PDB file of all heavy atoms in Angstrom:
ATOM      1  N   GLU A   1     116.389   4.244  21.402  1.00  0.00           N
ATOM      2  CA  GLU A   1     116.444   3.390  20.220  1.00  0.00           C
ATOM      3  C   GLU A   1     115.431   2.253  20.349  1.00  0.00           C
ATOM      4  O   GLU A   1     114.753   1.886  19.378  1.00  0.00           O
ATOM      5  CB  GLU A   1     117.853   2.815  20.050  1.00  0.00           C
ATOM      6  CG  GLU A   1     118.893   3.851  19.633  1.00  0.00           C
ATOM      7  CD  GLU A   1     120.294   3.279  19.612  1.00  0.00           C
ATOM      8  OE1 GLU A   1     120.482   2.151  20.140  1.00  0.00           O
ATOM      9  OE2 GLU A   1     121.214   3.943  19.088  1.00  0.00           O
ATOM     10  N   ARG A   2     115.333   1.723  21.544  1.00  0.00           N
ATOM     11  CA  ARG A   2     114.389   0.627  21.773  1.00  0.00           C
ATOM     12  C   ARG A   2     112.944   1.101  21.671  1.00  0.00           C
ATOM     13  O   ARG A   2     112.086   0.396  21.123  1.00  0.00           O
ATOM     14  CB  ARG A   2     114.650   0.016  23.153  1.00  0.00           C
ATOM     15  CG  ARG A   2     113.951  -1.302  23.360  1.00  0.00           C
ATOM     16  CD  ARG A   2     114.254  -1.927  24.684  1.00  0.00           C
ATOM     17  NE  ARG A   2     113.642  -3.242  24.749  1.00  0.00           N
ATOM     18  CZ  ARG A   2     113.397  -3.891  25.882  1.00  0.00           C
ATOM     19  NH1 ARG A   2     113.732  -3.356  27.041  1.00  0.00           N
ATOM     20  NH2 ARG A   2     112.816  -5.075  25.860  1.00  0.00           N
ATOM     21  N   LEU A   3     112.676   2.288  22.182  1.00  0.00           N
ATOM     22  CA  LEU A   3     111.323   2.831  22.127  1.00  0.00           C
ATOM     23  C   LEU A   3     110.866   3.026  20.680  1.00  0.00           C
ATOM     24  O   LEU A   3     109.705   2.778  20.343  1.00  0.00           O
ATOM     25  CB  LEU A   3     111.244   4.157  22.888  1.00  0.00           C
ATOM     26  CG  LEU A   3     111.238   4.053  24.415  1.00  0.00           C
ATOM     27  CD1 LEU A   3     111.403   5.424  25.047  1.00  0.00           C
ATOM     28  CD2 LEU A   3     109.956   3.394  24.901  1.00  0.00           C
ATOM     29  N   GLU A   4     111.770   3.471  19.835  1.00  0.00           N
ATOM     30  CA  GLU A   4     111.435   3.671  18.423  1.00  0.00           C
ATOM     31  C   GLU A   4     110.967   2.372  17.773  1.00  0.00           C
ATOM     32  O   GLU A   4     110.122   2.377  16.874  1.00  0.00           O
ATOM     33  CB  GLU A   4     112.639   4.224  17.664  1.00  0.00           C
ATOM     34  CG  GLU A   4     112.939   5.693  17.964  1.00  0.00           C
ATOM     35  CD  GLU A   4     114.080   6.225  17.119  1.00  0.00           C
ATOM     36  OE1 GLU A   4     114.535   5.492  16.213  1.00  0.00           O
ATOM     37  OE2 GLU A   4     114.508   7.363  17.351  1.00  0.00           O
ATOM     38  N   GLU A   5     111.509   1.260  18.254  1.00  0.00           N
ATOM     39  CA  GLU A   5     111.178  -0.036  17.672  1.00  0.00           C
ATOM     40  C   GLU A   5     109.789  -0.526  18.091  1.00  0.00           C
ATOM     41  O   GLU A   5     109.168  -1.320  17.366  1.00  0.00           O
ATOM     42  CB  GLU A   5     112.224  -1.080  18.078  1.00  0.00           C
ATOM     43  CG  GLU A   5     113.630  -0.781  17.563  1.00  0.00           C
ATOM     44  CD  GLU A   5     114.666  -1.748  18.105  1.00  0.00           C
ATOM     45  OE1 GLU A   5     114.282  -2.604  18.940  1.00  0.00           O
ATOM     46  OE2 GLU A   5     115.842  -1.652  17.719  1.00  0.00           O
ATOM     47  N   VAL A   6     109.296  -0.080  19.252  1.00  0.00           N
ATOM     48  CA  VAL A   6     108.049  -0.645  19.788  1.00  0.00           C
ATOM     49  C   VAL A   6     106.864   0.316  19.737  1.00  0.00           C
ATOM     50  O   VAL A   6     105.717  -0.116  19.893  1.00  0.00           O
ATOM     51  CB  VAL A   6     108.253  -1.117  21.245  1.00  0.00           C
ATOM     52  CG1 VAL A   6     109.349  -2.172  21.319  1.00  0.00           C
ATOM     53  CG2 VAL A   6     108.591   0.057  22.169  1.00  0.00           C
ATOM     54  N   GLN A   7     107.101   1.587  19.529  1.00  0.00           N
ATOM     55  CA  GLN A   7     106.019   2.566  19.611  1.00  0.00           C
ATOM     56  C   GLN A   7     104.913   2.335  18.586  1.00  0.00           C
ATOM     57  O   GLN A   7     103.729   2.548  18.880  1.00  0.00           O
ATOM     58  CB  GLN A   7     106.583   3.980  19.467  1.00  0.00           C
ATOM     59  CG  GLN A   7     107.312   4.463  20.717  1.00  0.00           C
ATOM     60  CD  GLN A   7     108.072   5.761  20.504  1.00  0.00           C
ATOM     61  OE1 GLN A   7     108.357   6.144  19.364  1.00  0.00           O
ATOM     62  NE2 GLN A   7     108.404   6.437  21.589  1.00  0.00           N
ATOM     63  N   ALA A   8     105.268   1.898  17.404  1.00  0.00           N
ATOM     64  CA  ALA A   8     104.268   1.704  16.350  1.00  0.00           C
ATOM     65  C   ALA A   8     103.194   0.701  16.759  1.00  0.00           C
ATOM     66  O   ALA A   8     102.017   0.848  16.407  1.00  0.00           O
ATOM     67  CB  ALA A   8     104.946   1.250  15.057  1.00  0.00           C
ATOM     68  N   ASP A   9     103.579  -0.326  17.536  1.00  0.00           N
ATOM     69  CA  ASP A   9     102.628  -1.363  17.952  1.00  0.00           C
ATOM     70  C   ASP A   9     101.686  -0.880  19.053  1.00  0.00           C
ATOM     71  O   ASP A   9     100.670  -1.531  19.315  1.00  0.00           O
ATOM     72  CB  ASP A   9     103.379  -2.605  18.445  1.00  0.00           C
ATOM     73  CG  ASP A   9     104.135  -3.301  17.324  1.00  0.00           C
ATOM     74  OD1 ASP A   9     103.700  -3.170  16.163  1.00  0.00           O
ATOM     75  OD2 ASP A   9     105.151  -3.956  17.614  1.00  0.00           O
ATOM     76  N   CYS A  10     102.019   0.225  19.699  1.00  0.00           N
ATOM     77  CA  CYS A  10     101.222   0.702  20.837  1.00  0.00           C
ATOM     78  C   CYS A  10     100.349   1.907  20.495  1.00  0.00           C
ATOM     79  O   CYS A  10      99.394   2.206  21.225  1.00  0.00           O
ATOM     80  CB  CYS A  10     102.143   1.062  22.002  1.00  0.00           C
ATOM     81  SG  CYS A  10     103.153  -0.311  22.586  1.00  0.00           S
ATOM     82  N   LYS A  11     100.673   2.600  19.443  1.00  0.00           N
ATOM     83  CA  LYS A  11      99.920   3.794  19.076  1.00  0.00           C
ATOM     84  C   LYS A  11      98.480   3.427  18.741  1.00  0.00           C
ATOM     85  O   LYS A  11      98.212   2.434  18.069  1.00  0.00           O
ATOM     86  CB  LYS A  11     100.580   4.509  17.906  1.00  0.00           C
ATOM     87  CG  LYS A  11     101.828   5.268  18.323  1.00  0.00           C
ATOM     88  CD  LYS A  11     102.406   6.093  17.180  1.00  0.00           C
ATOM     89  CE  LYS A  11     103.608   6.898  17.661  1.00  0.00           C
ATOM     90  NZ  LYS A  11     104.223   7.692  16.580  1.00  0.00           N
ATOM     91  N   GLY A  12      97.567   4.272  19.225  1.00  0.00           N
ATOM     92  CA  GLY A  12      96.153   4.020  19.001  1.00  0.00           C
ATOM     93  C   GLY A  12      95.513   3.215  20.113  1.00  0.00           C
ATOM     94  O   GLY A  12      94.286   3.112  20.194  1.00  0.00           O
ATOM     95  N   LYS A  13      96.323   2.644  20.996  1.00  0.00           N
ATOM     96  CA  LYS A  13      95.799   1.876  22.121  1.00  0.00           C
ATOM     97  C   LYS A  13      95.764   2.746  23.380  1.00  0.00           C
ATOM     98  O   LYS A  13      96.563   3.660  23.535  1.00  0.00           O
ATOM     99  CB  LYS A  13      96.654   0.629  22.360  1.00  0.00           C
ATOM    100  CG  LYS A  13      96.651  -0.343  21.178  1.00  0.00           C
ATOM    101  CD  LYS A  13      97.527  -1.542  21.442  1.00  0.00           C
ATOM    102  CE  LYS A  13      97.523  -2.491  20.246  1.00  0.00           C
ATOM    103  NZ  LYS A  13      98.407  -3.662  20.478  1.00  0.00           N
ATOM    104  N   GLN A  14      94.829   2.424  24.274  1.00  0.00           N
ATOM    105  CA  GLN A  14      94.610   3.227  25.481  1.00  0.00           C
ATOM    106  C   GLN A  14      94.904   2.408  26.740  1.00  0.00           C
ATOM    107  O   GLN A  14      94.634   1.201  26.788  1.00  0.00           O
ATOM    108  CB  GLN A  14      93.155   3.700  25.535  1.00  0.00           C
ATOM    109  CG  GLN A  14      92.739   4.586  24.371  1.00  0.00           C
ATOM    110  CD  GLN A  14      93.145   6.028  24.590  1.00  0.00           C
ATOM    111  OE1 GLN A  14      92.797   6.647  25.595  1.00  0.00           O
ATOM    112  NE2 GLN A  14      93.877   6.588  23.636  1.00  0.00           N
ATOM    113  N   VAL A  15      95.451   3.097  27.738  1.00  0.00           N
ATOM    114  CA  VAL A  15      95.664   2.462  29.037  1.00  0.00           C
ATOM    115  C   VAL A  15      94.876   3.191  30.117  1.00  0.00           C
ATOM    116  O   VAL A  15      94.575   4.384  29.992  1.00  0.00           O
ATOM    117  CB  VAL A  15      97.158   2.437  29.441  1.00  0.00           C
ATOM    118  CG1 VAL A  15      97.974   1.575  28.513  1.00  0.00           C
ATOM    119  CG2 VAL A  15      97.723   3.851  29.538  1.00  0.00           C
ATOM    120  N   MET A  16      94.531   2.450  31.143  1.00  0.00           N
ATOM    121  CA  MET A  16      94.027   3.033  32.379  1.00  0.00           C
ATOM    122  C   MET A  16      95.014   2.651  33.467  1.00  0.00           C
ATOM    123  O   MET A  16      95.320   1.464  33.634  1.00  0.00           O
ATOM    124  CB  MET A  16      92.624   2.514  32.736  1.00  0.00           C
ATOM    125  CG  MET A  16      92.079   3.113  34.042  1.00  0.00           C
ATOM    126  SD  MET A  16      90.293   2.818  34.291  1.00  0.00           S
ATOM    127  CE  MET A  16      90.281   1.062  34.648  1.00  0.00           C
ATOM    128  N   VAL A  17      95.543   3.635  34.175  1.00  0.00           N
ATOM    129  CA  VAL A  17      96.589   3.383  35.168  1.00  0.00           C
ATOM    130  C   VAL A  17      96.027   3.641  36.558  1.00  0.00           C
ATOM    131  O   VAL A  17      95.687   4.779  36.915  1.00  0.00           O
ATOM    132  CB  VAL A  17      97.820   4.276  34.914  1.00  0.00           C
ATOM    133  CG1 VAL A  17      98.921   3.946  35.925  1.00  0.00           C
ATOM    134  CG2 VAL A  17      98.332   4.083  33.491  1.00  0.00           C
ATOM    135  N   LEU A  18      95.921   2.578  37.336  1.00  0.00           N
ATOM    136  CA  LEU A  18      95.377   2.663  38.688  1.00  0.00           C
ATOM    137  C   LEU A  18      96.506   2.603  39.710  1.00  0.00           C
ATOM    138  O   LEU A  18      97.340   1.698  39.667  1.00  0.00           O
ATOM    139  CB  LEU A  18      94.401   1.514  38.951  1.00  0.00           C
ATOM    140  CG  LEU A  18      93.153   1.451  38.070  1.00  0.00           C
ATOM    141  CD1 LEU A  18      92.310   0.225  38.440  1.00  0.00           C
ATOM    142  CD2 LEU A  18      92.332   2.727  38.206  1.00  0.00           C
ATOM    143  N   GLN A  19      96.527   3.566  40.605  1.00  0.00           N
ATOM    144  CA  GLN A  19      97.442   3.535  41.748  1.00  0.00           C
ATOM    145  C   GLN A  19      96.568   3.318  42.972  1.00  0.00           C
ATOM    146  O   GLN A  19      95.761   4.167  43.334  1.00  0.00           O
ATOM    147  CB  GLN A  19      98.227   4.845  41.858  1.00  0.00           C
ATOM    148  CG  GLN A  19      99.252   4.824  42.992  1.00  0.00           C
ATOM    149  CD  GLN A  19     100.192   6.012  42.950  1.00  0.00           C
ATOM    150  OE1 GLN A  19     100.581   6.463  41.875  1.00  0.00           O
ATOM    151  NE2 GLN A  19     100.561   6.530  44.107  1.00  0.00           N
ATOM    152  N   SER A  20      96.742   2.170  43.602  1.00  0.00           N
ATOM    153  CA  SER A  20      95.742   1.735  44.574  1.00  0.00           C
ATOM    154  C   SER A  20      96.329   1.261  45.888  1.00  0.00           C
ATOM    155  O   SER A  20      97.442   0.742  45.955  1.00  0.00           O
ATOM    156  CB  SER A  20      94.897   0.600  43.975  1.00  0.00           C
ATOM    157  OG  SER A  20      94.370   0.956  42.719  1.00  0.00           O
ATOM    158  N   SER A  21      95.527   1.459  46.908  1.00  0.00           N
ATOM    159  CA  SER A  21      95.722   0.824  48.198  1.00  0.00           C
ATOM    160  C   SER A  21      94.329   0.330  48.584  1.00  0.00           C
ATOM    161  O   SER A  21      93.579   1.026  49.275  1.00  0.00           O
ATOM    162  CB  SER A  21      96.258   1.818  49.235  1.00  0.00           C
ATOM    163  OG  SER A  21      96.392   1.187  50.492  1.00  0.00           O
ATOM    164  N   PRO A  22      93.951  -0.833  48.038  1.00  0.00           N
ATOM    165  CA  PRO A  22      92.557  -1.284  48.154  1.00  0.00           C
ATOM    166  C   PRO A  22      92.014  -1.144  49.584  1.00  0.00           C
ATOM    167  O   PRO A  22      92.741  -1.416  50.543  1.00  0.00           O
ATOM    168  CB  PRO A  22      92.646  -2.751  47.747  1.00  0.00           C
ATOM    169  CG  PRO A  22      93.835  -2.813  46.858  1.00  0.00           C
ATOM    170  CD  PRO A  22      94.804  -1.823  47.424  1.00  0.00           C
ATOM    171  N   PRO A  23      90.778  -0.633  49.684  1.00  0.00           N
ATOM    172  CA  PRO A  23      89.775  -0.418  48.628  1.00  0.00           C
ATOM    173  C   PRO A  23      89.835   0.973  47.976  1.00  0.00           C
ATOM    174  O   PRO A  23      88.906   1.348  47.258  1.00  0.00           O
ATOM    175  CB  PRO A  23      88.461  -0.567  49.386  1.00  0.00           C
ATOM    176  CG  PRO A  23      88.778  -0.017  50.743  1.00  0.00           C
ATOM    177  CD  PRO A  23      90.211  -0.426  51.021  1.00  0.00           C
ATOM    178  N   ASN A  24      90.901   1.724  48.225  1.00  0.00           N
ATOM    179  CA  ASN A  24      91.014   3.065  47.644  1.00  0.00           C
ATOM    180  C   ASN A  24      91.784   3.003  46.328  1.00  0.00           C
ATOM    181  O   ASN A  24      92.863   2.412  46.257  1.00  0.00           O
ATOM    182  CB  ASN A  24      91.733   4.002  48.620  1.00  0.00           C
ATOM    183  CG  ASN A  24      90.993   4.132  49.939  1.00  0.00           C
ATOM    184  OD1 ASN A  24      89.798   4.397  49.958  1.00  0.00           O
ATOM    185  ND2 ASN A  24      91.698   3.930  51.055  1.00  0.00           N
TER     186      ASN A  24
END
């Protein structure tokens, strides 16, 4: 129910997700 309320504001936007152990 909560996701339905917020999805409209996020659609069309892009994320980059980094999983890191610097410097890797």
